[in-house]
N, C-alpha and C. Protein backbone atom coordinates (compact mmCIF):
# COMPACT_ATOMS: atom_id res chain seq x y z
N MET A 1 93.55 86.92 95.90
CA MET A 1 92.95 88.24 95.87
C MET A 1 94.06 89.28 96.04
N ASP A 2 94.06 90.25 95.17
CA ASP A 2 95.05 91.32 95.22
C ASP A 2 94.53 92.45 96.09
N ILE A 3 95.12 92.61 97.26
CA ILE A 3 94.75 93.69 98.18
C ILE A 3 95.93 94.63 98.29
N ARG A 4 95.67 95.91 98.18
CA ARG A 4 96.75 96.89 98.26
C ARG A 4 97.51 96.73 99.57
N ASN A 5 98.80 97.04 99.54
CA ASN A 5 99.61 96.89 100.75
C ASN A 5 99.24 97.94 101.79
N ILE A 6 99.76 97.77 102.97
CA ILE A 6 99.37 98.60 104.11
C ILE A 6 99.69 100.07 103.88
N GLU A 7 100.83 100.38 103.32
CA GLU A 7 101.18 101.78 103.07
C GLU A 7 100.24 102.43 102.07
N GLU A 8 99.85 101.70 101.04
CA GLU A 8 98.90 102.22 100.06
C GLU A 8 97.52 102.42 100.71
N GLN A 9 97.16 101.51 101.60
CA GLN A 9 95.88 101.65 102.30
C GLN A 9 95.89 102.90 103.18
N LYS A 10 96.99 103.10 103.90
CA LYS A 10 97.07 104.28 104.77
C LYS A 10 97.00 105.56 103.94
N LYS A 11 97.61 105.56 102.78
CA LYS A 11 97.56 106.73 101.91
C LYS A 11 96.11 107.01 101.47
N GLU A 12 95.40 105.98 101.02
CA GLU A 12 93.99 106.15 100.62
C GLU A 12 93.16 106.64 101.79
N PHE A 13 93.38 106.06 102.96
CA PHE A 13 92.63 106.46 104.15
C PHE A 13 92.90 107.92 104.49
N LYS A 14 94.17 108.30 104.52
CA LYS A 14 94.52 109.68 104.86
C LYS A 14 94.02 110.65 103.79
N ASP A 15 94.13 110.29 102.52
CA ASP A 15 93.61 111.15 101.46
C ASP A 15 92.12 111.40 101.65
N TYR A 16 91.38 110.33 101.97
CA TYR A 16 89.94 110.46 102.17
C TYR A 16 89.62 111.27 103.42
N THR A 17 90.24 110.94 104.54
CA THR A 17 89.87 111.58 105.81
C THR A 17 90.45 112.98 105.95
N ASP A 18 91.59 113.25 105.33
CA ASP A 18 92.17 114.60 105.42
C ASP A 18 91.26 115.65 104.79
N LYS A 19 90.46 115.25 103.82
CA LYS A 19 89.50 116.20 103.21
C LYS A 19 88.47 116.66 104.23
N TYR A 20 88.05 115.76 105.09
CA TYR A 20 87.09 116.13 106.13
C TYR A 20 87.75 117.07 107.15
N ILE A 21 88.97 116.74 107.52
CA ILE A 21 89.68 117.57 108.50
C ILE A 21 89.91 118.96 107.93
N ALA A 22 90.33 119.04 106.67
CA ALA A 22 90.61 120.34 106.05
C ALA A 22 89.35 121.21 105.94
N GLY A 23 88.20 120.59 105.74
CA GLY A 23 86.96 121.34 105.58
C GLY A 23 86.15 121.50 106.85
N ALA A 24 86.70 121.07 107.97
CA ALA A 24 85.95 121.08 109.23
C ALA A 24 85.93 122.45 109.87
N ASP A 25 84.89 122.68 110.67
CA ASP A 25 84.85 123.88 111.49
C ASP A 25 85.45 123.56 112.86
N LYS A 26 85.53 124.56 113.71
CA LYS A 26 86.15 124.37 115.03
C LYS A 26 85.43 123.30 115.85
N LYS A 27 84.13 123.19 115.65
CA LYS A 27 83.35 122.23 116.44
C LYS A 27 83.66 120.78 116.08
N THR A 28 83.97 120.51 114.79
CA THR A 28 84.13 119.12 114.36
C THR A 28 85.58 118.70 114.08
N THR A 29 86.49 119.65 113.99
CA THR A 29 87.88 119.30 113.66
C THR A 29 88.44 118.24 114.60
N GLY A 30 88.27 118.42 115.88
CA GLY A 30 88.78 117.46 116.86
C GLY A 30 88.18 116.08 116.69
N GLY A 31 86.90 116.02 116.37
CA GLY A 31 86.24 114.73 116.16
C GLY A 31 86.84 113.98 114.98
N TYR A 32 87.06 114.70 113.90
CA TYR A 32 87.69 114.08 112.73
C TYR A 32 89.11 113.61 113.04
N GLN A 33 89.87 114.45 113.70
CA GLN A 33 91.25 114.09 114.02
C GLN A 33 91.30 112.89 114.96
N ASP A 34 90.42 112.90 115.96
CA ASP A 34 90.36 111.77 116.89
C ASP A 34 89.99 110.47 116.17
N LYS A 35 89.01 110.55 115.28
CA LYS A 35 88.57 109.34 114.56
C LYS A 35 89.66 108.85 113.61
N GLN A 36 90.37 109.75 113.00
CA GLN A 36 91.47 109.37 112.12
C GLN A 36 92.57 108.66 112.94
N ALA A 37 92.95 109.27 114.05
CA ALA A 37 93.97 108.67 114.91
C ALA A 37 93.49 107.33 115.47
N HIS A 38 92.24 107.25 115.86
CA HIS A 38 91.67 106.01 116.39
C HIS A 38 91.77 104.88 115.36
N SER A 39 91.39 105.17 114.13
CA SER A 39 91.41 104.14 113.09
C SER A 39 92.83 103.66 112.80
N LEU A 40 93.76 104.58 112.76
CA LEU A 40 95.16 104.19 112.56
C LEU A 40 95.66 103.34 113.74
N PHE A 41 95.24 103.70 114.95
CA PHE A 41 95.63 102.95 116.15
C PHE A 41 95.03 101.53 116.11
N VAL A 42 93.77 101.43 115.74
CA VAL A 42 93.12 100.12 115.66
C VAL A 42 93.86 99.22 114.67
N MET A 43 94.26 99.79 113.53
CA MET A 43 95.00 99.01 112.55
C MET A 43 96.34 98.54 113.12
N GLU A 44 97.07 99.44 113.77
CA GLU A 44 98.36 99.07 114.34
C GLU A 44 98.21 97.99 115.40
N GLU A 45 97.19 98.10 116.22
CA GLU A 45 96.94 97.09 117.26
C GLU A 45 96.57 95.74 116.65
N ALA A 46 95.75 95.76 115.61
CA ALA A 46 95.37 94.51 114.96
C ALA A 46 96.60 93.82 114.36
N LEU A 47 97.46 94.61 113.74
CA LEU A 47 98.68 94.05 113.16
C LEU A 47 99.64 93.55 114.25
N LEU A 48 99.65 94.22 115.39
CA LEU A 48 100.48 93.77 116.51
C LEU A 48 99.99 92.43 117.05
N VAL A 49 98.68 92.30 117.20
CA VAL A 49 98.12 91.03 117.66
C VAL A 49 98.48 89.93 116.68
N ASP A 50 98.38 90.22 115.38
CA ASP A 50 98.75 89.22 114.38
C ASP A 50 100.23 88.84 114.52
N ALA A 51 101.09 89.84 114.67
CA ALA A 51 102.53 89.58 114.78
C ALA A 51 102.86 88.76 116.03
N LEU A 52 102.16 89.00 117.11
CA LEU A 52 102.45 88.31 118.37
C LEU A 52 101.88 86.90 118.45
N PHE A 53 100.70 86.70 117.83
CA PHE A 53 100.00 85.45 118.07
C PHE A 53 99.70 84.60 116.84
N THR A 54 99.57 85.19 115.69
CA THR A 54 99.12 84.39 114.55
C THR A 54 100.11 84.36 113.39
N GLU A 55 100.72 85.46 113.08
CA GLU A 55 101.68 85.57 111.99
C GLU A 55 101.14 84.98 110.68
N TYR A 56 100.00 85.50 110.25
CA TYR A 56 99.43 85.07 108.98
C TYR A 56 100.25 85.60 107.81
N ASN A 57 99.93 85.15 106.62
CA ASN A 57 100.67 85.55 105.43
C ASN A 57 100.38 87.02 105.08
N GLU A 58 101.13 87.53 104.12
CA GLU A 58 101.05 88.94 103.74
C GLU A 58 99.67 89.33 103.25
N SER A 59 99.04 88.48 102.50
CA SER A 59 97.70 88.76 101.98
C SER A 59 96.70 88.93 103.13
N PHE A 60 96.80 88.04 104.13
CA PHE A 60 95.92 88.16 105.28
C PHE A 60 96.20 89.45 106.04
N LYS A 61 97.47 89.78 106.22
CA LYS A 61 97.82 91.02 106.92
C LYS A 61 97.25 92.24 106.21
N ASN A 62 97.29 92.23 104.90
CA ASN A 62 96.71 93.35 104.14
C ASN A 62 95.21 93.43 104.33
N LEU A 63 94.55 92.28 104.35
CA LEU A 63 93.11 92.26 104.60
C LEU A 63 92.80 92.71 106.02
N LEU A 64 93.58 92.24 106.97
CA LEU A 64 93.42 92.66 108.37
C LEU A 64 93.59 94.18 108.50
N ALA A 65 94.59 94.72 107.85
CA ALA A 65 94.81 96.17 107.88
C ALA A 65 93.63 96.90 107.27
N LEU A 66 93.14 96.42 106.15
CA LEU A 66 92.01 97.05 105.46
C LEU A 66 90.78 97.09 106.36
N GLU A 67 90.46 95.96 106.95
CA GLU A 67 89.27 95.87 107.80
C GLU A 67 89.39 96.77 109.03
N SER A 68 90.54 96.76 109.65
CA SER A 68 90.69 97.55 110.88
C SER A 68 90.83 99.04 110.59
N LEU A 69 91.52 99.40 109.53
CA LEU A 69 91.72 100.81 109.21
C LEU A 69 90.43 101.48 108.76
N PHE A 70 89.63 100.78 108.01
CA PHE A 70 88.41 101.38 107.44
C PHE A 70 87.15 101.02 108.23
N HIS A 71 87.30 100.45 109.43
CA HIS A 71 86.13 100.02 110.19
C HIS A 71 85.19 101.16 110.56
N ASP A 72 85.69 102.37 110.69
CA ASP A 72 84.86 103.52 111.06
C ASP A 72 84.76 104.56 109.95
N ILE A 73 84.97 104.17 108.71
CA ILE A 73 85.02 105.15 107.63
C ILE A 73 83.70 105.92 107.49
N GLY A 74 82.61 105.31 107.86
CA GLY A 74 81.32 106.00 107.81
C GLY A 74 81.19 107.12 108.83
N ARG A 75 82.00 107.09 109.86
CA ARG A 75 81.94 108.12 110.91
C ARG A 75 82.27 109.51 110.38
N PHE A 76 83.11 109.61 109.36
CA PHE A 76 83.50 110.92 108.84
C PHE A 76 82.31 111.61 108.17
N GLU A 77 81.61 110.89 107.32
CA GLU A 77 80.40 111.45 106.70
C GLU A 77 79.32 111.67 107.75
N GLN A 78 79.23 110.77 108.71
CA GLN A 78 78.25 110.91 109.78
C GLN A 78 78.45 112.22 110.53
N LEU A 79 79.68 112.51 110.91
CA LEU A 79 79.96 113.76 111.63
C LEU A 79 79.66 114.97 110.77
N LYS A 80 79.97 114.88 109.51
CA LYS A 80 79.70 116.00 108.59
C LYS A 80 78.19 116.27 108.49
N VAL A 81 77.42 115.21 108.36
CA VAL A 81 75.98 115.36 108.14
C VAL A 81 75.21 115.64 109.43
N THR A 82 75.54 114.91 110.50
CA THR A 82 74.74 115.03 111.73
C THR A 82 75.39 115.92 112.79
N GLY A 83 76.69 116.14 112.68
CA GLY A 83 77.40 116.91 113.69
C GLY A 83 77.73 116.11 114.94
N SER A 84 77.51 114.79 114.87
CA SER A 84 77.80 113.94 116.03
C SER A 84 78.15 112.53 115.56
N PHE A 85 78.54 111.71 116.52
CA PHE A 85 78.81 110.30 116.25
C PHE A 85 77.67 109.41 116.77
N ARG A 86 76.52 109.98 117.05
CA ARG A 86 75.38 109.20 117.55
C ARG A 86 74.65 108.52 116.39
N ASP A 87 74.69 107.21 116.39
CA ASP A 87 74.08 106.46 115.29
C ASP A 87 72.58 106.69 115.17
N ASN A 88 71.90 106.94 116.27
CA ASN A 88 70.45 107.12 116.21
C ASN A 88 70.05 108.38 115.43
N GLU A 89 70.97 109.29 115.19
CA GLU A 89 70.67 110.50 114.42
C GLU A 89 70.80 110.28 112.91
N LEU A 90 71.42 109.19 112.52
CA LEU A 90 71.62 108.92 111.09
C LEU A 90 70.32 108.75 110.33
N SER A 91 69.33 108.12 110.96
CA SER A 91 68.09 107.81 110.24
C SER A 91 67.34 109.06 109.79
N VAL A 92 67.61 110.19 110.41
CA VAL A 92 66.98 111.44 109.98
C VAL A 92 67.46 111.79 108.57
N TYR A 93 68.73 111.54 108.29
CA TYR A 93 69.33 111.88 107.01
C TYR A 93 69.38 110.69 106.05
N TYR A 94 69.48 109.50 106.61
CA TYR A 94 69.55 108.27 105.82
C TYR A 94 68.55 107.27 106.41
N PRO A 95 67.30 107.33 105.99
CA PRO A 95 66.26 106.49 106.61
C PRO A 95 66.52 104.99 106.57
N ASN A 96 67.28 104.50 105.61
CA ASN A 96 67.50 103.06 105.48
C ASN A 96 68.74 102.57 106.21
N MET A 97 69.40 103.44 106.96
CA MET A 97 70.62 103.04 107.65
C MET A 97 70.39 102.98 109.15
N LYS A 98 70.92 101.90 109.75
CA LYS A 98 70.75 101.77 111.19
C LYS A 98 71.96 102.27 111.97
N ASP A 99 73.14 102.31 111.32
CA ASP A 99 74.33 102.77 112.04
C ASP A 99 75.44 103.18 111.08
N HIS A 100 76.56 103.61 111.64
CA HIS A 100 77.68 104.09 110.83
C HIS A 100 78.32 102.98 110.00
N GLY A 101 78.11 101.74 110.39
CA GLY A 101 78.60 100.63 109.58
C GLY A 101 77.90 100.57 108.24
N ASP A 102 76.59 100.76 108.25
CA ASP A 102 75.84 100.82 107.00
C ASP A 102 76.34 101.98 106.13
N LEU A 103 76.52 103.12 106.75
CA LEU A 103 77.02 104.29 106.02
C LEU A 103 78.43 104.02 105.49
N GLY A 104 79.24 103.34 106.25
CA GLY A 104 80.59 103.02 105.82
C GLY A 104 80.61 102.18 104.56
N SER A 105 79.70 101.23 104.44
CA SER A 105 79.67 100.41 103.22
C SER A 105 79.28 101.24 102.01
N VAL A 106 78.39 102.19 102.21
CA VAL A 106 78.00 103.09 101.12
C VAL A 106 79.19 103.98 100.73
N VAL A 107 79.86 104.53 101.72
CA VAL A 107 81.03 105.39 101.48
C VAL A 107 82.10 104.61 100.70
N MET A 108 82.40 103.40 101.14
CA MET A 108 83.42 102.60 100.47
C MET A 108 83.06 102.36 99.00
N ASN A 109 81.78 102.15 98.74
CA ASN A 109 81.33 101.90 97.38
C ASN A 109 81.29 103.19 96.56
N GLU A 110 80.64 104.22 97.07
CA GLU A 110 80.44 105.46 96.31
C GLU A 110 81.76 106.18 96.00
N HIS A 111 82.72 106.07 96.87
CA HIS A 111 84.01 106.74 96.65
C HIS A 111 85.02 105.83 95.97
N GLY A 112 84.58 104.65 95.58
CA GLY A 112 85.44 103.72 94.86
C GLY A 112 86.59 103.16 95.68
N LEU A 113 86.46 103.25 97.01
CA LEU A 113 87.56 102.78 97.86
C LEU A 113 87.77 101.28 97.76
N LEU A 114 86.69 100.52 97.69
CA LEU A 114 86.85 99.06 97.58
C LEU A 114 87.59 98.69 96.30
N LYS A 115 87.23 99.32 95.20
CA LYS A 115 87.88 98.98 93.93
C LYS A 115 89.33 99.46 93.91
N LYS A 116 89.64 100.54 94.61
CA LYS A 116 91.03 101.00 94.69
C LYS A 116 91.86 100.07 95.57
N LEU A 117 91.27 99.63 96.65
CA LEU A 117 92.01 98.84 97.64
C LEU A 117 92.04 97.35 97.31
N ILE A 118 91.02 96.88 96.65
CA ILE A 118 90.95 95.49 96.22
C ILE A 118 90.56 95.51 94.74
N PRO A 119 91.53 95.76 93.87
CA PRO A 119 91.23 95.98 92.45
C PRO A 119 90.46 94.87 91.75
N ASP A 120 90.66 93.63 92.17
CA ASP A 120 89.97 92.54 91.48
C ASP A 120 88.67 92.12 92.16
N VAL A 121 88.18 92.94 93.08
CA VAL A 121 86.94 92.60 93.76
C VAL A 121 85.77 92.73 92.78
N ARG A 122 84.85 91.78 92.89
CA ARG A 122 83.64 91.83 92.08
C ARG A 122 82.46 91.83 93.03
N MET A 123 81.58 92.78 92.81
CA MET A 123 80.37 92.86 93.62
C MET A 123 79.27 92.10 92.90
N TYR A 124 78.92 90.94 93.41
CA TYR A 124 77.89 90.14 92.79
C TYR A 124 76.51 90.68 93.09
N ASP A 125 76.34 91.35 94.18
CA ASP A 125 75.05 91.90 94.54
C ASP A 125 75.25 93.34 94.99
N GLU A 126 75.12 94.27 94.08
CA GLU A 126 75.33 95.68 94.39
C GLU A 126 74.35 96.16 95.47
N GLU A 127 73.19 95.54 95.59
CA GLU A 127 72.21 95.94 96.58
C GLU A 127 72.73 95.76 98.01
N VAL A 128 73.61 94.81 98.20
CA VAL A 128 74.14 94.54 99.54
C VAL A 128 74.88 95.75 100.09
N ILE A 129 75.55 96.50 99.23
CA ILE A 129 76.38 97.60 99.71
C ILE A 129 75.77 98.97 99.44
N LYS A 130 74.49 99.04 99.08
CA LYS A 130 73.84 100.34 98.87
C LYS A 130 73.12 100.77 100.12
């Protein structure tokens, strides 16, 4: 499986999240910045754990980076729509979603992030990620 390298992933992540930061008001700017920094930190920590204890191959490291960096990608749209990070408020705007993880899968699909980051990925069941 061809997964984009870590630097390309960080660029896609920053390109996506910087749009939220640039368009934020005073109330939400800090939340976006904190979530962006948090996600980058989680990725660095995951890669550190791999380096210290497992030392998997490059493909695995790229997948590990992808999963950890984009684990909260739904939080950006959540903050924009609800003004908070409380998952219980999502159902008002998205009745079929139980949490930001559900929203994250939609974001990854709708913005083409999965296809950019994993170019040869095939979605056999599009319903799973809607």
